Amino acid sequence: MKTAKAYFDEYAQSHQNGTNQKIHYICVPIIFFNVIGLLMCIPTTLLASTFKLYNPLLENWAIVATILVSVFYLKLGFWYFMEMIFVILICIVGNFWISNYTNLLYVSIGLFVLAWIGQFYGHKVEGAKPSFLKDLEFLLIGPLWIIQKIGKKETN
């Protein structure tokens, strides 16, 4: 597995244009947030029938996905793991809040599609293909790269 710096350096290669970066600052968090929302929309009865047991940690698919992707972030480093767990928990709480007021599935699908349109426009401006087309792990690196850039940590 690559180091976090290697991932960040490679990700940065297709994110040099200022307009593309600004689009990513908006669209990557929206996509990440709405992927969690979409996972939360999968019926929990599917989990119960899949695992044949009740476990509060497996209350929804967002928790299952969090456990799985956390291993990736932990391999990159403890503090990356902690940052992403914090972000994921905010996303779960935010999506739960939205689900109390409107149809989470429709909101998640709509914003997810709009954000991807923005992403592809940004890459058109950049003149470079999205990184995830080369390696799907970059779908997990994108949110972490944004956090590092906003926090002014060195990511290139």
C-alpha atoms as a PDB file:
ATOM      1  CA  MET A   1       0.000   0.000   0.000  1.00  0.00           C
ATOM      2  CA  LYS A   2       1.196   3.492  -0.831  1.00  0.00           C
ATOM      3  CA  THR A   3       1.969   6.069   1.828  1.00  0.00           C
ATOM      4  CA  ALA A   4      -0.391   8.989   2.406  1.00  0.00           C
ATOM      5  CA  LYS A   5       2.185  11.340   0.871  1.00  0.00           C
ATOM      6  CA  ALA A   6       2.420   9.183  -2.258  1.00  0.00           C
ATOM      7  CA  TYR A   7      -1.381   9.214  -2.610  1.00  0.00           C
ATOM      8  CA  PHE A   8      -1.542  12.986  -2.040  1.00  0.00           C
ATOM      9  CA  ASP A   9       1.253  13.656  -4.542  1.00  0.00           C
ATOM     10  CA  GLU A  10      -0.405  11.532  -7.201  1.00  0.00           C
ATOM     11  CA  TYR A  11      -3.849  13.003  -6.503  1.00  0.00           C
ATOM     12  CA  ALA A  12      -2.442  16.531  -6.711  1.00  0.00           C
ATOM     13  CA  GLN A  13      -1.134  15.900 -10.234  1.00  0.00           C
ATOM     14  CA  SER A  14      -4.670  16.029 -11.659  1.00  0.00           C
ATOM     15  CA  HIS A  15      -5.781  18.846  -9.348  1.00  0.00           C
ATOM     16  CA  GLN A  16      -3.459  21.744 -10.206  1.00  0.00           C
ATOM     17  CA  ASN A  17      -5.988  24.172 -11.697  1.00  0.00           C
ATOM     18  CA  GLY A  18      -7.390  26.638  -9.151  1.00  0.00           C
ATOM     19  CA  THR A  19     -10.930  26.371 -10.530  1.00  0.00           C
ATOM     20  CA  ASN A  20     -10.829  22.584 -10.379  1.00  0.00           C
ATOM     21  CA  GLN A  21      -9.542  22.726  -6.799  1.00  0.00           C
ATOM     22  CA  LYS A  22     -12.348  25.092  -5.745  1.00  0.00           C
ATOM     23  CA  ILE A  23     -14.915  22.809  -7.366  1.00  0.00           C
ATOM     24  CA  HIS A  24     -13.393  19.881  -5.488  1.00  0.00           C
ATOM     25  CA  TYR A  25     -13.544  21.756  -2.170  1.00  0.00           C
ATOM     26  CA  ILE A  26     -17.315  21.919  -2.679  1.00  0.00           C
ATOM     27  CA  CYS A  27     -18.150  18.751  -4.579  1.00  0.00           C
ATOM     28  CA  VAL A  28     -15.960  16.139  -2.848  1.00  0.00           C
ATOM     29  CA  PRO A  29     -17.510  16.752   0.599  1.00  0.00           C
ATOM     30  CA  ILE A  30     -21.011  16.763  -0.943  1.00  0.00           C
ATOM     31  CA  ILE A  31     -20.344  13.446  -2.677  1.00  0.00           C
ATOM     32  CA  PHE A  32     -18.869  11.904   0.470  1.00  0.00           C
ATOM     33  CA  PHE A  33     -21.777  13.169   2.587  1.00  0.00           C
ATOM     34  CA  ASN A  34     -24.330  11.830   0.134  1.00  0.00           C
ATOM     35  CA  VAL A  35     -22.676   8.433  -0.276  1.00  0.00           C
ATOM     36  CA  ILE A  36     -23.178   8.032   3.456  1.00  0.00           C
ATOM     37  CA  GLY A  37     -26.768   9.224   3.031  1.00  0.00           C
ATOM     38  CA  LEU A  38     -27.338   6.657   0.290  1.00  0.00           C
ATOM     39  CA  LEU A  39     -25.879   3.912   2.484  1.00  0.00           C
ATOM     40  CA  MET A  40     -28.212   4.972   5.286  1.00  0.00           C
ATOM     41  CA  CYS A  41     -31.163   4.534   2.920  1.00  0.00           C
ATOM     42  CA  ILE A  42     -30.547   0.820   2.418  1.00  0.00           C
ATOM     43  CA  PRO A  43     -33.149  -0.999   4.520  1.00  0.00           C
ATOM     44  CA  THR A  44     -31.743  -2.362   7.771  1.00  0.00           C
ATOM     45  CA  THR A  45     -33.801  -5.518   7.351  1.00  0.00           C
ATOM     46  CA  LEU A  46     -31.283  -6.435   4.667  1.00  0.00           C
ATOM     47  CA  LEU A  47     -28.547  -6.295   7.316  1.00  0.00           C
ATOM     48  CA  ALA A  48     -30.522  -8.393   9.776  1.00  0.00           C
ATOM     49  CA  SER A  49     -31.196 -11.070   7.165  1.00  0.00           C
ATOM     50  CA  THR A  50     -27.595 -10.991   5.928  1.00  0.00           C
ATOM     51  CA  PHE A  51     -25.958 -11.388   9.344  1.00  0.00           C
ATOM     52  CA  LYS A  52     -28.776 -13.372  11.002  1.00  0.00           C
ATOM     53  CA  LEU A  53     -28.321 -11.436  14.216  1.00  0.00           C
ATOM     54  CA  TYR A  54     -29.064  -8.072  15.719  1.00  0.00           C
ATOM     55  CA  ASN A  55     -26.125  -5.869  16.477  1.00  0.00           C
ATOM     56  CA  PRO A  56     -26.562  -2.142  17.189  1.00  0.00           C
ATOM     57  CA  LEU A  57     -23.252  -1.412  15.439  1.00  0.00           C
ATOM     58  CA  LEU A  58     -24.728  -2.872  12.275  1.00  0.00           C
ATOM     59  CA  GLU A  59     -27.857  -0.715  12.478  1.00  0.00           C
ATOM     60  CA  ASN A  60     -27.272   0.668   8.999  1.00  0.00           C
ATOM     61  CA  TRP A  61     -24.962   0.175   6.050  1.00  0.00           C
ATOM     62  CA  ALA A  62     -23.188   3.484   6.699  1.00  0.00           C
ATOM     63  CA  ILE A  63     -21.768   2.001   9.906  1.00  0.00           C
ATOM     64  CA  VAL A  64     -20.674  -1.150   8.078  1.00  0.00           C
ATOM     65  CA  ALA A  65     -18.984   0.948   5.366  1.00  0.00           C
ATOM     66  CA  THR A  66     -17.338   3.117   8.038  1.00  0.00           C
ATOM     67  CA  ILE A  67     -15.811   0.061   9.650  1.00  0.00           C
ATOM     68  CA  LEU A  68     -14.503  -1.170   6.296  1.00  0.00           C
ATOM     69  CA  VAL A  69     -13.027   2.117   5.040  1.00  0.00           C
ATOM     70  CA  SER A  70     -11.591   2.916   8.455  1.00  0.00           C
ATOM     71  CA  VAL A  71      -9.078   0.128   7.936  1.00  0.00           C
ATOM     72  CA  PHE A  72      -7.804   1.944   4.822  1.00  0.00           C
ATOM     73  CA  TYR A  73      -7.462   5.250   6.698  1.00  0.00           C
ATOM     74  CA  LEU A  74      -5.824   3.576   9.687  1.00  0.00           C
ATOM     75  CA  LYS A  75      -3.190   2.059   7.380  1.00  0.00           C
ATOM     76  CA  LEU A  76      -2.419   5.578   6.131  1.00  0.00           C
ATOM     77  CA  GLY A  77      -1.887   6.821   9.664  1.00  0.00           C
ATOM     78  CA  PHE A  78      -3.620   7.203  13.003  1.00  0.00           C
ATOM     79  CA  TRP A  79      -4.373  10.919  12.632  1.00  0.00           C
ATOM     80  CA  TYR A  80      -5.764  10.466   9.127  1.00  0.00           C
ATOM     81  CA  PHE A  81      -7.978   7.764  10.594  1.00  0.00           C
ATOM     82  CA  MET A  82      -9.110  10.075  13.411  1.00  0.00           C
ATOM     83  CA  GLU A  83      -9.875  12.953  11.013  1.00  0.00           C
ATOM     84  CA  MET A  84     -11.936  10.740   8.746  1.00  0.00           C
ATOM     85  CA  ILE A  85     -13.821   9.073  11.616  1.00  0.00           C
ATOM     86  CA  PHE A  86     -14.769  12.553  12.822  1.00  0.00           C
ATOM     87  CA  VAL A  87     -15.929  13.539   9.316  1.00  0.00           C
ATOM     88  CA  ILE A  88     -17.864  10.287   8.878  1.00  0.00           C
ATOM     89  CA  LEU A  89     -19.627  10.747  12.212  1.00  0.00           C
ATOM     90  CA  ILE A  90     -20.616  14.294  11.244  1.00  0.00           C
ATOM     91  CA  CYS A  91     -21.963  12.922   7.964  1.00  0.00           C
ATOM     92  CA  ILE A  92     -23.987  10.220   9.722  1.00  0.00           C
ATOM     93  CA  VAL A  93     -25.472  12.725  12.170  1.00  0.00           C
ATOM     94  CA  GLY A  94     -26.156  15.246   9.375  1.00  0.00           C
ATOM     95  CA  ASN A  95     -27.862  12.653   7.210  1.00  0.00           C
ATOM     96  CA  PHE A  96     -29.900  11.397  10.152  1.00  0.00           C
ATOM     97  CA  TRP A  97     -31.018  14.978  10.794  1.00  0.00           C
ATOM     98  CA  ILE A  98     -31.990  15.430   7.125  1.00  0.00           C
ATOM     99  CA  SER A  99     -33.935  12.148   7.214  1.00  0.00           C
ATOM    100  CA  ASN A 100     -36.109  13.566   9.997  1.00  0.00           C
ATOM    101  CA  TYR A 101     -37.310  16.395   7.747  1.00  0.00           C
ATOM    102  CA  THR A 102     -37.366  15.085   4.197  1.00  0.00           C
ATOM    103  CA  ASN A 103     -36.753  12.041   2.029  1.00  0.00           C
ATOM    104  CA  LEU A 104     -33.057  11.316   2.476  1.00  0.00           C
ATOM    105  CA  LEU A 105     -32.900   9.087  -0.595  1.00  0.00           C
ATOM    106  CA  TYR A 106     -34.093  11.797  -2.985  1.00  0.00           C
ATOM    107  CA  VAL A 107     -31.877  14.469  -1.441  1.00  0.00           C
ATOM    108  CA  SER A 108     -28.848  12.164  -1.530  1.00  0.00           C
ATOM    109  CA  ILE A 109     -29.378  11.116  -5.140  1.00  0.00           C
ATOM    110  CA  GLY A 110     -29.989  14.680  -6.326  1.00  0.00           C
ATOM    111  CA  LEU A 111     -26.966  16.211  -4.611  1.00  0.00           C
ATOM    112  CA  PHE A 112     -24.768  13.237  -5.516  1.00  0.00           C
ATOM    113  CA  VAL A 113     -25.561  13.646  -9.229  1.00  0.00           C
ATOM    114  CA  LEU A 114     -25.107  17.435  -9.167  1.00  0.00           C
ATOM    115  CA  ALA A 115     -21.778  17.135  -7.351  1.00  0.00           C
ATOM    116  CA  TRP A 116     -20.469  14.595  -9.868  1.00  0.00           C
ATOM    117  CA  ILE A 117     -21.463  16.902 -12.710  1.00  0.00           C
ATOM    118  CA  GLY A 118     -19.391  19.578 -10.957  1.00  0.00           C
ATOM    119  CA  GLN A 119     -16.470  17.182 -10.542  1.00  0.00           C
ATOM    120  CA  PHE A 120     -16.402  16.241 -14.212  1.00  0.00           C
ATOM    121  CA  TYR A 121     -16.674  19.904 -15.203  1.00  0.00           C
ATOM    122  CA  GLY A 122     -13.708  20.663 -12.948  1.00  0.00           C
ATOM    123  CA  HIS A 123     -11.663  17.958 -14.611  1.00  0.00           C
ATOM    124  CA  LYS A 124     -12.663  19.270 -18.028  1.00  0.00           C
ATOM    125  CA  VAL A 125     -11.299  22.677 -16.973  1.00  0.00           C
ATOM    126  CA  GLU A 126      -8.196  20.942 -15.590  1.00  0.00           C
ATOM    127  CA  GLY A 127      -7.701  18.937 -18.756  1.00  0.00           C
ATOM    128  CA  ALA A 128      -6.993  15.799 -16.743  1.00  0.00           C
ATOM    129  CA  LYS A 129      -8.985  12.659 -16.029  1.00  0.00           C
ATOM    130  CA  PRO A 130     -10.265  12.115 -12.479  1.00  0.00           C
ATOM    131  CA  SER A 131      -7.766  10.167 -10.364  1.00  0.00           C
ATOM    132  CA  PHE A 132     -10.258   7.459  -9.452  1.00  0.00           C
ATOM    133  CA  LEU A 133     -10.337   6.314 -13.088  1.00  0.00           C
ATOM    134  CA  LYS A 134      -6.763   5.111 -12.506  1.00  0.00           C
ATOM    135  CA  ASP A 135      -7.262   3.732  -8.990  1.00  0.00           C
ATOM    136  CA  LEU A 136     -10.527   3.472  -7.044  1.00  0.00           C
ATOM    137  CA  GLU A 137      -8.675   4.147  -3.778  1.00  0.00           C
ATOM    138  CA  PHE A 138      -8.612   7.804  -4.856  1.00  0.00           C
ATOM    139  CA  LEU A 139     -12.339   7.944  -4.072  1.00  0.00           C
ATOM    140  CA  LEU A 140     -11.239   7.604  -0.440  1.00  0.00           C
ATOM    141  CA  ILE A 141      -8.206   9.864  -0.827  1.00  0.00           C
ATOM    142  CA  GLY A 142     -10.197  12.820  -2.223  1.00  0.00           C
ATOM    143  CA  PRO A 143     -11.977  13.720   1.041  1.00  0.00           C
ATOM    144  CA  LEU A 144      -8.768  13.322   3.044  1.00  0.00           C
ATOM    145  CA  TRP A 145      -6.830  15.446   0.528  1.00  0.00           C
ATOM    146  CA  ILE A 146      -9.439  18.204   0.898  1.00  0.00           C
ATOM    147  CA  ILE A 147      -9.143  18.071   4.698  1.00  0.00           C
ATOM    148  CA  GLN A 148      -5.356  18.348   4.452  1.00  0.00           C
ATOM    149  CA  LYS A 149      -5.561  21.263   1.986  1.00  0.00           C
ATOM    150  CA  ILE A 150      -8.092  23.154   4.107  1.00  0.00           C
ATOM    151  CA  GLY A 151      -5.987  22.478   7.201  1.00  0.00           C
ATOM    152  CA  LYS A 152      -2.992  23.853   5.267  1.00  0.00           C
ATOM    153  CA  LYS A 153      -1.036  20.666   5.755  1.00  0.00           C
ATOM    154  CA  GLU A 154       1.454  19.763   3.059  1.00  0.00           C
ATOM    155  CA  THR A 155      -0.263  17.789   0.292  1.00  0.00           C
ATOM    156  CA  ASN A 156       1.327  19.532  -2.704  1.00  0.00           C
END
